[in-house]
């Protein structure tokens, strides 16, 4: 078994709180403070301090270069929101839930451990 390596992974959820939503209220409302608090708690329980969660709402004005670049890529590539970005790479485009997010983090950790 591989030793546990202290990894630092940056997770960012990209969402547009003023964007279109499906009529059936499908998916998680990532603009909700409660949703972000809950997923942050789940991340901390499972991964301790190895994972840091960030959130970007594209409907809010931003001077953040990374957010502006992502917004342009979303429009150019017609990517459905929300996006799950892990260490700068889009991992999920479109609706995802807590389980998919945690699975994506697990996969990223496994990839990094196998490289290291």
C-alpha atoms as a PDB file:
ATOM      1  CA  UNK A   1       0.000   0.000   0.000  1.00  0.00           C
ATOM      2  CA  UNK A   2       1.274   3.456  -0.908  1.00  0.00           C
ATOM      3  CA  UNK A   3       2.060   5.821   1.942  1.00  0.00           C
ATOM      4  CA  UNK A   4      -0.323   8.721   2.369  1.00  0.00           C
ATOM      5  CA  UNK A   5       1.263  11.752   0.805  1.00  0.00           C
ATOM      6  CA  UNK A   6       0.308  15.212   1.994  1.00  0.00           C
ATOM      7  CA  UNK A   7      -1.416  16.608  -1.077  1.00  0.00           C
ATOM      8  CA  UNK A   8      -2.912  19.994  -1.652  1.00  0.00           C
ATOM      9  CA  UNK A   9      -5.772  20.054  -4.111  1.00  0.00           C
ATOM     10  CA  UNK A  10      -7.744  23.136  -5.126  1.00  0.00           C
ATOM     11  CA  UNK A  11     -11.399  22.507  -5.995  1.00  0.00           C
ATOM     12  CA  UNK A  12     -13.481  25.266  -7.568  1.00  0.00           C
ATOM     13  CA  UNK A  13     -17.170  25.142  -8.341  1.00  0.00           C
ATOM     14  CA  UNK A  14     -18.079  27.497 -11.185  1.00  0.00           C
ATOM     15  CA  UNK A  15     -21.757  28.424 -11.295  1.00  0.00           C
ATOM     16  CA  UNK A  16     -24.041  31.140 -12.615  1.00  0.00           C
ATOM     17  CA  UNK A  17     -26.738  31.883 -10.061  1.00  0.00           C
ATOM     18  CA  UNK A  18     -28.659  33.898 -12.653  1.00  0.00           C
ATOM     19  CA  UNK A  19     -28.298  31.325 -15.430  1.00  0.00           C
ATOM     20  CA  UNK A  20     -30.956  29.002 -16.738  1.00  0.00           C
ATOM     21  CA  UNK A  21     -32.118  26.216 -14.471  1.00  0.00           C
ATOM     22  CA  UNK A  22     -34.220  23.232 -15.387  1.00  0.00           C
ATOM     23  CA  UNK A  23     -37.937  23.387 -14.601  1.00  0.00           C
ATOM     24  CA  UNK A  24     -37.747  20.323 -12.364  1.00  0.00           C
ATOM     25  CA  UNK A  25     -35.229  22.091 -10.078  1.00  0.00           C
ATOM     26  CA  UNK A  26     -32.677  19.419 -10.884  1.00  0.00           C
ATOM     27  CA  UNK A  27     -29.189  19.604  -9.501  1.00  0.00           C
ATOM     28  CA  UNK A  28     -27.758  21.442  -6.559  1.00  0.00           C
ATOM     29  CA  UNK A  29     -28.095  25.207  -6.272  1.00  0.00           C
ATOM     30  CA  UNK A  30     -24.390  25.911  -5.809  1.00  0.00           C
ATOM     31  CA  UNK A  31     -25.134  29.592  -5.136  1.00  0.00           C
ATOM     32  CA  UNK A  32     -26.725  28.548  -1.859  1.00  0.00           C
ATOM     33  CA  UNK A  33     -24.513  29.201   1.167  1.00  0.00           C
ATOM     34  CA  UNK A  34     -25.964  26.057   2.745  1.00  0.00           C
ATOM     35  CA  UNK A  35     -24.927  23.883  -0.219  1.00  0.00           C
ATOM     36  CA  UNK A  36     -21.366  25.235  -0.152  1.00  0.00           C
ATOM     37  CA  UNK A  37     -21.145  24.828   3.643  1.00  0.00           C
ATOM     38  CA  UNK A  38     -22.396  21.235   3.412  1.00  0.00           C
ATOM     39  CA  UNK A  39     -19.974  20.215   0.663  1.00  0.00           C
ATOM     40  CA  UNK A  40     -17.126  21.945   2.473  1.00  0.00           C
ATOM     41  CA  UNK A  41     -17.982  19.956   5.612  1.00  0.00           C
ATOM     42  CA  UNK A  42     -18.080  16.689   3.643  1.00  0.00           C
ATOM     43  CA  UNK A  43     -14.714  17.506   2.041  1.00  0.00           C
ATOM     44  CA  UNK A  44     -13.135  18.271   5.426  1.00  0.00           C
ATOM     45  CA  UNK A  45     -14.547  15.052   6.948  1.00  0.00           C
ATOM     46  CA  UNK A  46     -13.196  12.918   4.136  1.00  0.00           C
ATOM     47  CA  UNK A  47      -9.966  14.660   3.135  1.00  0.00           C
ATOM     48  CA  UNK A  48      -8.989  16.784   6.149  1.00  0.00           C
ATOM     49  CA  UNK A  49      -6.968  19.790   5.017  1.00  0.00           C
ATOM     50  CA  UNK A  50      -5.691  18.244   1.783  1.00  0.00           C
ATOM     51  CA  UNK A  51      -8.472  19.830  -0.263  1.00  0.00           C
ATOM     52  CA  UNK A  52      -9.456  23.487  -0.459  1.00  0.00           C
ATOM     53  CA  UNK A  53     -12.857  24.459  -1.855  1.00  0.00           C
ATOM     54  CA  UNK A  54     -13.521  27.644  -3.782  1.00  0.00           C
ATOM     55  CA  UNK A  55     -16.641  28.993  -5.445  1.00  0.00           C
ATOM     56  CA  UNK A  56     -17.067  31.392  -8.362  1.00  0.00           C
ATOM     57  CA  UNK A  57     -20.462  32.827  -9.316  1.00  0.00           C
ATOM     58  CA  UNK A  58     -20.186  34.036 -12.909  1.00  0.00           C
ATOM     59  CA  UNK A  59     -23.184  36.339 -12.478  1.00  0.00           C
ATOM     60  CA  UNK A  60     -21.187  38.453 -10.006  1.00  0.00           C
ATOM     61  CA  UNK A  61     -18.708  41.026 -11.297  1.00  0.00           C
ATOM     62  CA  UNK A  62     -15.133  39.810 -11.059  1.00  0.00           C
ATOM     63  CA  UNK A  63     -11.689  41.135 -11.794  1.00  0.00           C
ATOM     64  CA  UNK A  64     -10.192  37.699 -11.098  1.00  0.00           C
ATOM     65  CA  UNK A  65      -8.160  36.807 -14.201  1.00  0.00           C
ATOM     66  CA  UNK A  66      -8.825  33.076 -13.765  1.00  0.00           C
ATOM     67  CA  UNK A  67     -12.601  33.609 -13.514  1.00  0.00           C
ATOM     68  CA  UNK A  68     -12.607  35.823 -16.614  1.00  0.00           C
ATOM     69  CA  UNK A  69     -10.587  33.238 -18.547  1.00  0.00           C
ATOM     70  CA  UNK A  70     -12.941  30.429 -17.458  1.00  0.00           C
ATOM     71  CA  UNK A  71     -15.989  32.482 -18.393  1.00  0.00           C
ATOM     72  CA  UNK A  72     -14.564  32.989 -21.896  1.00  0.00           C
ATOM     73  CA  UNK A  73     -13.814  29.258 -22.245  1.00  0.00           C
ATOM     74  CA  UNK A  74     -17.349  28.403 -21.100  1.00  0.00           C
ATOM     75  CA  UNK A  75     -18.810  30.624 -23.821  1.00  0.00           C
ATOM     76  CA  UNK A  76     -16.358  29.517 -26.519  1.00  0.00           C
ATOM     77  CA  UNK A  77     -16.741  25.793 -25.840  1.00  0.00           C
ATOM     78  CA  UNK A  78     -20.428  26.051 -24.897  1.00  0.00           C
ATOM     79  CA  UNK A  79     -19.822  24.213 -21.613  1.00  0.00           C
ATOM     80  CA  UNK A  80     -22.888  23.533 -19.471  1.00  0.00           C
ATOM     81  CA  UNK A  81     -22.748  24.813 -15.905  1.00  0.00           C
ATOM     82  CA  UNK A  82     -21.954  24.124 -13.170  1.00  0.00           C
ATOM     83  CA  UNK A  83     -18.291  23.228 -13.657  1.00  0.00           C
ATOM     84  CA  UNK A  84     -16.111  21.313 -11.258  1.00  0.00           C
ATOM     85  CA  UNK A  85     -12.521  22.468 -11.657  1.00  0.00           C
ATOM     86  CA  UNK A  86      -9.744  20.549  -9.915  1.00  0.00           C
ATOM     87  CA  UNK A  87      -6.285  22.097  -9.859  1.00  0.00           C
ATOM     88  CA  UNK A  88      -7.162  24.283 -12.835  1.00  0.00           C
ATOM     89  CA  UNK A  89      -8.608  21.494 -15.005  1.00  0.00           C
ATOM     90  CA  UNK A  90     -12.316  21.108 -15.765  1.00  0.00           C
ATOM     91  CA  UNK A  91     -13.290  17.659 -14.482  1.00  0.00           C
ATOM     92  CA  UNK A  92     -17.093  17.828 -14.672  1.00  0.00           C
ATOM     93  CA  UNK A  93     -19.211  20.065 -16.889  1.00  0.00           C
ATOM     94  CA  UNK A  94     -22.934  20.011 -16.180  1.00  0.00           C
ATOM     95  CA  UNK A  95     -24.983  18.910 -13.213  1.00  0.00           C
ATOM     96  CA  UNK A  96     -23.137  17.002 -10.501  1.00  0.00           C
ATOM     97  CA  UNK A  97     -23.902  16.105  -6.930  1.00  0.00           C
ATOM     98  CA  UNK A  98     -21.901  15.606  -3.759  1.00  0.00           C
ATOM     99  CA  UNK A  99     -21.062  11.986  -4.585  1.00  0.00           C
ATOM    100  CA  UNK A 100     -19.659  12.829  -8.024  1.00  0.00           C
ATOM    101  CA  UNK A 101     -17.636  15.691  -6.556  1.00  0.00           C
ATOM    102  CA  UNK A 102     -16.131  13.476  -3.843  1.00  0.00           C
ATOM    103  CA  UNK A 103     -15.428  10.703  -6.369  1.00  0.00           C
ATOM    104  CA  UNK A 104     -13.623  13.201  -8.619  1.00  0.00           C
ATOM    105  CA  UNK A 105     -11.456  14.288  -5.668  1.00  0.00           C
ATOM    106  CA  UNK A 106     -10.680  10.642  -4.851  1.00  0.00           C
ATOM    107  CA  UNK A 107      -9.634  10.063  -8.461  1.00  0.00           C
ATOM    108  CA  UNK A 108      -7.410  13.155  -8.444  1.00  0.00           C
ATOM    109  CA  UNK A 109      -5.717  12.037  -5.221  1.00  0.00           C
ATOM    110  CA  UNK A 110      -5.128   8.562  -6.660  1.00  0.00           C
ATOM    111  CA  UNK A 111      -3.636  10.026  -9.851  1.00  0.00           C
ATOM    112  CA  UNK A 112      -1.303  12.311  -7.883  1.00  0.00           C
ATOM    113  CA  UNK A 113      -0.198   9.492  -5.581  1.00  0.00           C
ATOM    114  CA  UNK A 114       0.569   7.230  -8.540  1.00  0.00           C
ATOM    115  CA  UNK A 115       2.648   9.978 -10.169  1.00  0.00           C
ATOM    116  CA  UNK A 116       4.565  10.700  -6.984  1.00  0.00           C
END
